[in-house]
Amino acid sequence: MKIVGFLHSTFIDYPGKIATEIFTAGCNFSCPTCHSRKIVKSMLQEINEDYVFSYIDSRKEWIDGIVVSGGEPTLQKGLEDFLEKCKKKGISVKLDTNGSNYKVLENLLQKKIVDYVAMDIKGPPSLYSVLTGKKGNAEDVEKGMLVVMQFPDYEFRTTIVPLQEKEETKKEKIKLEKLPTRWPTEEEIEEMARWVIKVTGKNNHKYFLQRFVSREEDEMLDERFCKYKLPKEMWETPYEVVNNVYDIIKKYLPNVATR
């Protein structure tokens, strides 16, 4: 596996666990609002797996979990082998994923080497190409939802991000940095919630809402969403926006919570 980030300990990224966390390089999405450019583009020095396991062994008295994040970890050819080693050491495994690589998720489910999956729901299907920078991936995400539900524990989560929708004509091309920026509408949030229920046939999922936080230009995957190119009021998702989204989703998904 290509590991390019290592957080020695985290008390918040794996519910109920004291965990260590790794970040793998590369992603099959190009979400404009992603703040992990150096991870996605594999611009950081690679970390040897042996170092990670050595650290886990040295802290085995209190580390009881590992979070495998990215990027998109399911792209890694060595993922299964890495997770099997983690399980042999007796630690619980949490996987962060965008859910689109559903065949890999199916394999991990069959192998019983993942205990908890956190799957990102980027937004409603009508906006998936805008939110992920890729076309035609909503159907794969739907298949991913159905697999994720079968793991021993799981959550769905959505980061409430600002939107810029590209609109170009042959006569006049609008410069991207000039496009209006907005938050998701009530109709779009409702579409997302209804979509999750329609695909999964359930409404009792653990569902978390997260705030977008803009960063420096060299950290954002798309520079349009760095601090200095967004209106200041959009550097972070306002709590008012989060609360509004929460109220809308709560009508459909009663177990929604904020982070």
C-alpha atoms as a PDB file:
ATOM      1  CA  MET A   1       0.000   0.000   0.000  1.00  0.00           C
ATOM      2  CA  LYS A   2       1.107   3.528  -0.652  1.00  0.00           C
ATOM      3  CA  ILE A   3       0.769   5.281   2.698  1.00  0.00           C
ATOM      4  CA  VAL A   4       1.497   9.012   2.601  1.00  0.00           C
ATOM      5  CA  GLY A   5       0.088  10.155   5.929  1.00  0.00           C
ATOM      6  CA  PHE A   6       0.180   8.818   9.476  1.00  0.00           C
ATOM      7  CA  LEU A   7      -1.654  10.175  12.511  1.00  0.00           C
ATOM      8  CA  HIS A   8      -0.217   8.430  15.537  1.00  0.00           C
ATOM      9  CA  SER A   9      -3.334   8.756  17.657  1.00  0.00           C
ATOM     10  CA  THR A  10      -6.887  10.010  17.284  1.00  0.00           C
ATOM     11  CA  PHE A  11      -9.740  10.062  19.773  1.00  0.00           C
ATOM     12  CA  ILE A  12     -12.382  11.296  17.328  1.00  0.00           C
ATOM     13  CA  ASP A  13     -12.011   9.461  14.004  1.00  0.00           C
ATOM     14  CA  TYR A  14     -13.079   6.015  15.220  1.00  0.00           C
ATOM     15  CA  PRO A  15     -16.141   6.164  17.493  1.00  0.00           C
ATOM     16  CA  GLY A  16     -15.456   4.510  20.827  1.00  0.00           C
ATOM     17  CA  LYS A  17     -11.833   3.703  20.027  1.00  0.00           C
ATOM     18  CA  ILE A  18      -8.379   5.102  20.628  1.00  0.00           C
ATOM     19  CA  ALA A  19      -6.968   4.697  17.161  1.00  0.00           C
ATOM     20  CA  THR A  20      -4.071   5.361  14.894  1.00  0.00           C
ATOM     21  CA  GLU A  21      -4.825   6.569  11.361  1.00  0.00           C
ATOM     22  CA  ILE A  22      -3.176   6.190   7.981  1.00  0.00           C
ATOM     23  CA  PHE A  23      -3.849   8.017   4.724  1.00  0.00           C
ATOM     24  CA  THR A  24      -3.367   6.337   1.353  1.00  0.00           C
ATOM     25  CA  ALA A  25      -2.459   8.107  -1.881  1.00  0.00           C
ATOM     26  CA  GLY A  26      -4.757   8.613  -4.842  1.00  0.00           C
ATOM     27  CA  CYS A  27      -8.482   8.883  -5.416  1.00  0.00           C
ATOM     28  CA  ASN A  28     -10.920   8.054  -8.211  1.00  0.00           C
ATOM     29  CA  PHE A  29     -12.869  11.252  -7.488  1.00  0.00           C
ATOM     30  CA  SER A  30     -11.692  14.827  -8.025  1.00  0.00           C
ATOM     31  CA  CYS A  31     -13.914  16.641  -5.555  1.00  0.00           C
ATOM     32  CA  PRO A  32     -13.259  20.376  -6.021  1.00  0.00           C
ATOM     33  CA  THR A  33     -13.692  21.079  -2.299  1.00  0.00           C
ATOM     34  CA  CYS A  34     -11.252  18.361  -1.164  1.00  0.00           C
ATOM     35  CA  HIS A  35      -8.548  19.740   1.131  1.00  0.00           C
ATOM     36  CA  SER A  36      -6.243  16.717   0.754  1.00  0.00           C
ATOM     37  CA  ARG A  37      -4.560  17.672  -2.514  1.00  0.00           C
ATOM     38  CA  LYS A  38      -1.131  16.450  -1.454  1.00  0.00           C
ATOM     39  CA  ILE A  39      -2.569  13.073  -0.463  1.00  0.00           C
ATOM     40  CA  VAL A  40      -4.749  12.656  -3.547  1.00  0.00           C
ATOM     41  CA  LYS A  41      -1.912  13.716  -5.862  1.00  0.00           C
ATOM     42  CA  SER A  42       0.628  11.583  -3.981  1.00  0.00           C
ATOM     43  CA  MET A  43       2.880  14.561  -3.292  1.00  0.00           C
ATOM     44  CA  LEU A  44       4.000  13.409   0.167  1.00  0.00           C
ATOM     45  CA  GLN A  45       6.788  11.068   1.173  1.00  0.00           C
ATOM     46  CA  GLU A  46       5.741   7.443   1.366  1.00  0.00           C
ATOM     47  CA  ILE A  47       5.610   5.825   4.801  1.00  0.00           C
ATOM     48  CA  ASN A  48       6.678   2.214   5.187  1.00  0.00           C
ATOM     49  CA  GLU A  49       4.063  -0.240   6.454  1.00  0.00           C
ATOM     50  CA  ASP A  50       6.618  -1.721   8.831  1.00  0.00           C
ATOM     51  CA  TYR A  51       6.879   1.624  10.615  1.00  0.00           C
ATOM     52  CA  VAL A  52       3.105   1.718  11.103  1.00  0.00           C
ATOM     53  CA  PHE A  53       2.972  -1.804  12.512  1.00  0.00           C
ATOM     54  CA  SER A  54       6.018  -1.178  14.693  1.00  0.00           C
ATOM     55  CA  TYR A  55       4.278   1.831  16.195  1.00  0.00           C
ATOM     56  CA  ILE A  56       1.081  -0.159  16.781  1.00  0.00           C
ATOM     57  CA  ASP A  57       3.067  -2.905  18.525  1.00  0.00           C
ATOM     58  CA  SER A  58       4.758  -0.344  20.771  1.00  0.00           C
ATOM     59  CA  ARG A  59       1.400   1.105  21.830  1.00  0.00           C
ATOM     60  CA  LYS A  60      -0.689  -2.056  21.936  1.00  0.00           C
ATOM     61  CA  GLU A  61      -1.651  -1.413  25.571  1.00  0.00           C
ATOM     62  CA  TRP A  62      -3.882   1.493  24.578  1.00  0.00           C
ATOM     63  CA  ILE A  63      -4.361   1.572  20.780  1.00  0.00           C
ATOM     64  CA  ASP A  64      -7.372  -0.595  19.953  1.00  0.00           C
ATOM     65  CA  GLY A  65      -8.228   0.591  16.449  1.00  0.00           C
ATOM     66  CA  ILE A  66      -6.870   1.794  13.134  1.00  0.00           C
ATOM     67  CA  VAL A  67      -8.530   4.120  10.636  1.00  0.00           C
ATOM     68  CA  VAL A  68      -7.622   3.590   6.990  1.00  0.00           C
ATOM     69  CA  SER A  69      -8.438   6.765   5.093  1.00  0.00           C
ATOM     70  CA  GLY A  70      -7.297   8.607   2.006  1.00  0.00           C
ATOM     71  CA  GLY A  71      -7.590   9.525  -0.749  1.00  0.00           C
ATOM     72  CA  GLU A  72      -9.613   6.438  -1.524  1.00  0.00           C
ATOM     73  CA  PRO A  73      -8.130   3.366   0.201  1.00  0.00           C
ATOM     74  CA  THR A  74     -10.021   0.831  -1.941  1.00  0.00           C
ATOM     75  CA  LEU A  75      -7.756   1.722  -4.874  1.00  0.00           C
ATOM     76  CA  GLN A  76      -4.756   0.224  -3.080  1.00  0.00           C
ATOM     77  CA  LYS A  77      -3.711  -3.207  -4.326  1.00  0.00           C
ATOM     78  CA  GLY A  78      -2.227  -4.107  -0.950  1.00  0.00           C
ATOM     79  CA  LEU A  79      -5.274  -3.098   1.082  1.00  0.00           C
ATOM     80  CA  GLU A  80      -6.555  -6.594   1.814  1.00  0.00           C
ATOM     81  CA  ASP A  81      -3.150  -7.822   2.964  1.00  0.00           C
ATOM     82  CA  PHE A  82      -2.667  -4.755   5.164  1.00  0.00           C
ATOM     83  CA  LEU A  83      -6.057  -5.156   6.824  1.00  0.00           C
ATOM     84  CA  GLU A  84      -5.479  -8.853   7.436  1.00  0.00           C
ATOM     85  CA  LYS A  85      -2.260  -7.969   9.272  1.00  0.00           C
ATOM     86  CA  CYS A  86      -4.179  -5.457  11.380  1.00  0.00           C
ATOM     87  CA  LYS A  87      -6.773  -8.060  12.339  1.00  0.00           C
ATOM     88  CA  LYS A  88      -4.067 -10.573  13.260  1.00  0.00           C
ATOM     89  CA  LYS A  89      -2.732  -7.989  15.706  1.00  0.00           C
ATOM     90  CA  GLY A  90      -6.141  -7.891  17.332  1.00  0.00           C
ATOM     91  CA  ILE A  91      -7.034  -4.300  16.512  1.00  0.00           C
ATOM     92  CA  SER A  92     -10.348  -3.086  15.157  1.00  0.00           C
ATOM     93  CA  VAL A  93     -10.395  -1.692  11.607  1.00  0.00           C
ATOM     94  CA  LYS A  94     -12.333   1.317  10.340  1.00  0.00           C
ATOM     95  CA  LEU A  95     -12.348   2.122   6.623  1.00  0.00           C
ATOM     96  CA  ASP A  96     -13.197   5.521   5.121  1.00  0.00           C
ATOM     97  CA  THR A  97     -14.509   5.347   1.551  1.00  0.00           C
ATOM     98  CA  ASN A  98     -16.531   7.147  -1.098  1.00  0.00           C
ATOM     99  CA  GLY A  99     -18.327   3.856  -1.751  1.00  0.00           C
ATOM    100  CA  SER A 100     -17.875   3.796  -5.516  1.00  0.00           C
ATOM    101  CA  ASN A 101     -15.446   0.865  -5.588  1.00  0.00           C
ATOM    102  CA  TYR A 102     -18.164  -1.516  -4.475  1.00  0.00           C
ATOM    103  CA  LYS A 103     -16.526  -4.711  -5.736  1.00  0.00           C
ATOM    104  CA  VAL A 104     -13.548  -4.184  -3.444  1.00  0.00           C
ATOM    105  CA  LEU A 105     -15.939  -3.464  -0.583  1.00  0.00           C
ATOM    106  CA  GLU A 106     -17.762  -6.726  -1.322  1.00  0.00           C
ATOM    107  CA  ASN A 107     -14.481  -8.619  -1.100  1.00  0.00           C
ATOM    108  CA  LEU A 108     -13.539  -6.983   2.211  1.00  0.00           C
ATOM    109  CA  LEU A 109     -16.982  -7.830   3.561  1.00  0.00           C
ATOM    110  CA  GLN A 110     -16.567 -11.489   2.621  1.00  0.00           C
ATOM    111  CA  LYS A 111     -13.095 -11.588   4.185  1.00  0.00           C
ATOM    112  CA  LYS A 112     -14.469 -10.131   7.457  1.00  0.00           C
ATOM    113  CA  ILE A 113     -11.468  -7.848   7.916  1.00  0.00           C
ATOM    114  CA  VAL A 114     -13.270  -4.519   8.379  1.00  0.00           C
ATOM    115  CA  ASP A 115     -15.302  -3.705  11.487  1.00  0.00           C
ATOM    116  CA  TYR A 116     -16.587  -0.217  10.709  1.00  0.00           C
ATOM    117  CA  VAL A 117     -17.098   1.649   7.441  1.00  0.00           C
ATOM    118  CA  ALA A 118     -17.661   5.383   7.068  1.00  0.00           C
ATOM    119  CA  MET A 119     -19.036   6.160   3.612  1.00  0.00           C
ATOM    120  CA  ASP A 120     -19.271   9.641   2.164  1.00  0.00           C
ATOM    121  CA  ILE A 121     -22.523  10.675   0.534  1.00  0.00           C
ATOM    122  CA  LYS A 122     -21.376  13.698  -1.436  1.00  0.00           C
ATOM    123  CA  GLY A 123     -24.856  15.034  -2.180  1.00  0.00           C
ATOM    124  CA  PRO A 124     -27.927  14.269  -4.290  1.00  0.00           C
ATOM    125  CA  PRO A 125     -27.413  12.172  -7.442  1.00  0.00           C
ATOM    126  CA  SER A 126     -28.256  15.165  -9.642  1.00  0.00           C
ATOM    127  CA  LEU A 127     -25.146  16.950  -8.320  1.00  0.00           C
ATOM    128  CA  TYR A 128     -22.717  14.044  -8.101  1.00  0.00           C
ATOM    129  CA  SER A 129     -20.728  14.995 -11.195  1.00  0.00           C
ATOM    130  CA  VAL A 130     -20.370  18.560  -9.890  1.00  0.00           C
ATOM    131  CA  LEU A 131     -19.412  17.454  -6.384  1.00  0.00           C
ATOM    132  CA  THR A 132     -16.971  14.712  -7.415  1.00  0.00           C
ATOM    133  CA  GLY A 133     -15.518  16.133 -10.613  1.00  0.00           C
ATOM    134  CA  LYS A 134     -16.405  12.864 -12.361  1.00  0.00           C
ATOM    135  CA  LYS A 135     -19.332  11.809 -14.528  1.00  0.00           C
ATOM    136  CA  GLY A 136     -21.533   8.749 -14.176  1.00  0.00           C
ATOM    137  CA  ASN A 137     -20.565   7.504 -10.720  1.00  0.00           C
ATOM    138  CA  ALA A 138     -23.869   7.752  -8.807  1.00  0.00           C
ATOM    139  CA  GLU A 139     -24.894   4.200  -9.774  1.00  0.00           C
ATOM    140  CA  ASP A 140     -21.656   2.772  -8.382  1.00  0.00           C
ATOM    141  CA  VAL A 141     -22.203   4.759  -5.195  1.00  0.00           C
ATOM    142  CA  GLU A 142     -25.675   3.243  -4.884  1.00  0.00           C
ATOM    143  CA  LYS A 143     -24.174  -0.246  -5.092  1.00  0.00           C
ATOM    144  CA  GLY A 144     -21.614   0.822  -2.513  1.00  0.00           C
ATOM    145  CA  MET A 145     -24.342   1.896  -0.081  1.00  0.00           C
ATOM    146  CA  LEU A 146     -25.911  -1.551  -0.244  1.00  0.00           C
ATOM    147  CA  VAL A 147     -22.594  -3.250   0.517  1.00  0.00           C
ATOM    148  CA  VAL A 148     -21.615  -0.866   3.311  1.00  0.00           C
ATOM    149  CA  MET A 149     -24.881  -1.578   5.141  1.00  0.00           C
ATOM    150  CA  GLN A 150     -23.775  -5.196   5.594  1.00  0.00           C
ATOM    151  CA  PHE A 151     -20.604  -4.474   7.574  1.00  0.00           C
ATOM    152  CA  PRO A 152     -20.698  -5.029  11.358  1.00  0.00           C
ATOM    153  CA  ASP A 153     -20.986  -1.264  11.882  1.00  0.00           C
ATOM    154  CA  TYR A 154     -21.198   1.667   9.508  1.00  0.00           C
ATOM    155  CA  GLU A 155     -22.165   5.282   9.028  1.00  0.00           C
ATOM    156  CA  PHE A 156     -23.047   7.554   6.155  1.00  0.00           C
ATOM    157  CA  ARG A 157     -21.780  11.118   6.255  1.00  0.00           C
ATOM    158  CA  THR A 158     -22.050  14.291   4.239  1.00  0.00           C
ATOM    159  CA  THR A 159     -19.775  17.309   4.274  1.00  0.00           C
ATOM    160  CA  ILE A 160     -21.815  20.418   3.507  1.00  0.00           C
ATOM    161  CA  VAL A 161     -19.733  22.135   0.848  1.00  0.00           C
ATOM    162  CA  PRO A 162     -20.139  25.253  -1.306  1.00  0.00           C
ATOM    163  CA  LEU A 163     -21.092  24.709  -4.929  1.00  0.00           C
ATOM    164  CA  GLN A 164     -19.962  26.242  -8.189  1.00  0.00           C
ATOM    165  CA  GLU A 165     -21.709  24.837 -11.222  1.00  0.00           C
ATOM    166  CA  LYS A 166     -19.908  25.235 -14.515  1.00  0.00           C
ATOM    167  CA  GLU A 167     -22.047  26.857 -17.186  1.00  0.00           C
ATOM    168  CA  GLU A 168     -20.502  27.421 -20.590  1.00  0.00           C
ATOM    169  CA  THR A 169     -21.883  28.194 -24.045  1.00  0.00           C
ATOM    170  CA  LYS A 170     -20.172  28.289 -27.408  1.00  0.00           C
ATOM    171  CA  LYS A 171     -20.700  32.035 -27.610  1.00  0.00           C
ATOM    172  CA  GLU A 172     -19.401  32.928 -24.196  1.00  0.00           C
ATOM    173  CA  LYS A 173     -17.314  31.021 -21.683  1.00  0.00           C
ATOM    174  CA  ILE A 174     -17.754  32.060 -18.090  1.00  0.00           C
ATOM    175  CA  LYS A 175     -14.497  32.149 -16.183  1.00  0.00           C
ATOM    176  CA  LEU A 176     -14.709  29.608 -13.367  1.00  0.00           C
ATOM    177  CA  GLU A 177     -13.527  32.037 -10.714  1.00  0.00           C
ATOM    178  CA  LYS A 178     -16.398  34.362 -11.677  1.00  0.00           C
ATOM    179  CA  LEU A 179     -19.111  31.758 -11.122  1.00  0.00           C
ATOM    180  CA  PRO A 180     -21.489  32.347  -8.220  1.00  0.00           C
ATOM    181  CA  THR A 181     -20.879  30.216  -5.140  1.00  0.00           C
ATOM    182  CA  ARG A 182     -23.755  28.880  -3.064  1.00  0.00           C
ATOM    183  CA  TRP A 183     -24.774  26.338  -0.456  1.00  0.00           C
ATOM    184  CA  PRO A 184     -27.057  23.384  -1.315  1.00  0.00           C
ATOM    185  CA  THR A 185     -30.747  24.214  -1.526  1.00  0.00           C
ATOM    186  CA  GLU A 186     -33.512  22.674   0.564  1.00  0.00           C
ATOM    187  CA  GLU A 187     -34.699  20.750  -2.503  1.00  0.00           C
ATOM    188  CA  GLU A 188     -31.221  19.309  -3.078  1.00  0.00           C
ATOM    189  CA  ILE A 189     -30.881  18.217   0.543  1.00  0.00           C
ATOM    190  CA  GLU A 190     -34.290  16.553   0.412  1.00  0.00           C
ATOM    191  CA  GLU A 191     -33.319  14.817  -2.826  1.00  0.00           C
ATOM    192  CA  MET A 192     -30.206  13.418  -1.140  1.00  0.00           C
ATOM    193  CA  ALA A 193     -32.109  12.121   1.887  1.00  0.00           C
ATOM    194  CA  ARG A 194     -34.820  10.542  -0.239  1.00  0.00           C
ATOM    195  CA  TRP A 195     -32.157   8.970  -2.453  1.00  0.00           C
ATOM    196  CA  VAL A 196     -30.464   7.250   0.486  1.00  0.00           C
ATOM    197  CA  ILE A 197     -33.790   5.847   1.669  1.00  0.00           C
ATOM    198  CA  LYS A 198     -34.819   4.731  -1.821  1.00  0.00           C
ATOM    199  CA  VAL A 199     -31.529   2.933  -2.461  1.00  0.00           C
ATOM    200  CA  THR A 200     -31.181   1.289   0.939  1.00  0.00           C
ATOM    201  CA  GLY A 201     -34.838   0.744   1.807  1.00  0.00           C
ATOM    202  CA  LYS A 202     -34.131   2.053   5.313  1.00  0.00           C
ATOM    203  CA  ASN A 203     -34.103   5.354   7.160  1.00  0.00           C
ATOM    204  CA  ASN A 204     -32.440   4.353  10.429  1.00  0.00           C
ATOM    205  CA  HIS A 205     -28.815   4.761   9.335  1.00  0.00           C
ATOM    206  CA  LYS A 206     -26.285   6.594  11.466  1.00  0.00           C
ATOM    207  CA  TYR A 207     -25.880   9.761   9.415  1.00  0.00           C
ATOM    208  CA  PHE A 208     -23.419  12.529  10.204  1.00  0.00           C
ATOM    209  CA  LEU A 209     -23.167  16.068   8.862  1.00  0.00           C
ATOM    210  CA  GLN A 210     -19.756  17.714   8.695  1.00  0.00           C
ATOM    211  CA  ARG A 211     -18.616  21.273   8.083  1.00  0.00           C
ATOM    212  CA  PHE A 212     -16.501  22.288   5.112  1.00  0.00           C
ATOM    213  CA  VAL A 213     -13.326  24.163   6.073  1.00  0.00           C
ATOM    214  CA  SER A 214     -11.344  25.922   3.353  1.00  0.00           C
ATOM    215  CA  ARG A 215      -7.551  25.906   3.472  1.00  0.00           C
ATOM    216  CA  GLU A 216      -4.542  27.318   1.678  1.00  0.00           C
ATOM    217  CA  GLU A 217      -4.290  27.144  -2.106  1.00  0.00           C
ATOM    218  CA  ASP A 218      -1.711  24.341  -2.112  1.00  0.00           C
ATOM    219  CA  GLU A 219      -3.966  22.168   0.068  1.00  0.00           C
ATOM    220  CA  MET A 220      -7.188  22.408  -1.942  1.00  0.00           C
ATOM    221  CA  LEU A 221      -7.687  20.093  -4.905  1.00  0.00           C
ATOM    222  CA  ASP A 222      -9.366  22.951  -6.783  1.00  0.00           C
ATOM    223  CA  GLU A 223      -7.907  26.381  -6.065  1.00  0.00           C
ATOM    224  CA  ARG A 224     -11.325  27.999  -6.581  1.00  0.00           C
ATOM    225  CA  PHE A 225     -12.207  26.778  -3.100  1.00  0.00           C
ATOM    226  CA  CYS A 226      -9.123  28.015  -1.264  1.00  0.00           C
ATOM    227  CA  LYS A 227      -9.565  30.741   1.344  1.00  0.00           C
ATOM    228  CA  TYR A 228      -8.519  33.618  -0.843  1.00  0.00           C
ATOM    229  CA  LYS A 229     -10.825  32.840  -3.752  1.00  0.00           C
ATOM    230  CA  LEU A 230     -13.979  32.185  -1.770  1.00  0.00           C
ATOM    231  CA  PRO A 231     -16.082  34.854  -0.101  1.00  0.00           C
ATOM    232  CA  LYS A 232     -14.976  35.010   3.523  1.00  0.00           C
ATOM    233  CA  GLU A 233     -18.398  33.878   4.726  1.00  0.00           C
ATOM    234  CA  MET A 234     -17.793  30.591   2.863  1.00  0.00           C
ATOM    235  CA  TRP A 235     -14.424  29.742   4.363  1.00  0.00           C
ATOM    236  CA  GLU A 236     -16.309  27.437   6.718  1.00  0.00           C
ATOM    237  CA  THR A 237     -19.839  26.086   6.598  1.00  0.00           C
ATOM    238  CA  PRO A 238     -21.828  28.448   8.862  1.00  0.00           C
ATOM    239  CA  TYR A 239     -23.564  26.772  11.789  1.00  0.00           C
ATOM    240  CA  GLU A 240     -26.808  28.273  10.550  1.00  0.00           C
ATOM    241  CA  VAL A 241     -26.436  26.344   7.279  1.00  0.00           C
ATOM    242  CA  VAL A 242     -25.544  23.151   9.159  1.00  0.00           C
ATOM    243  CA  ASN A 243     -28.583  23.526  11.398  1.00  0.00           C
ATOM    244  CA  ASN A 244     -30.864  24.115   8.413  1.00  0.00           C
ATOM    245  CA  VAL A 245     -29.544  21.012   6.660  1.00  0.00           C
ATOM    246  CA  TYR A 246     -29.935  19.041   9.883  1.00  0.00           C
ATOM    247  CA  ASP A 247     -33.571  20.094  10.236  1.00  0.00           C
ATOM    248  CA  ILE A 248     -34.327  19.058   6.649  1.00  0.00           C
ATOM    249  CA  ILE A 249     -32.600  15.671   6.847  1.00  0.00           C
ATOM    250  CA  LYS A 250     -34.066  14.899  10.276  1.00  0.00           C
ATOM    251  CA  LYS A 251     -37.493  14.616   8.647  1.00  0.00           C
ATOM    252  CA  TYR A 252     -36.221  11.712   6.549  1.00  0.00           C
ATOM    253  CA  LEU A 253     -33.281  10.240   8.477  1.00  0.00           C
ATOM    254  CA  PRO A 254     -34.049  10.483  12.205  1.00  0.00           C
ATOM    255  CA  ASN A 255     -30.603   9.338  13.372  1.00  0.00           C
ATOM    256  CA  VAL A 256     -28.797  12.293  11.804  1.00  0.00           C
ATOM    257  CA  ALA A 257     -26.228  14.112  13.938  1.00  0.00           C
ATOM    258  CA  THR A 258     -23.630  16.851  13.444  1.00  0.00           C
ATOM    259  CA  ARG A 259     -19.887  16.852  13.955  1.00  0.00           C
END
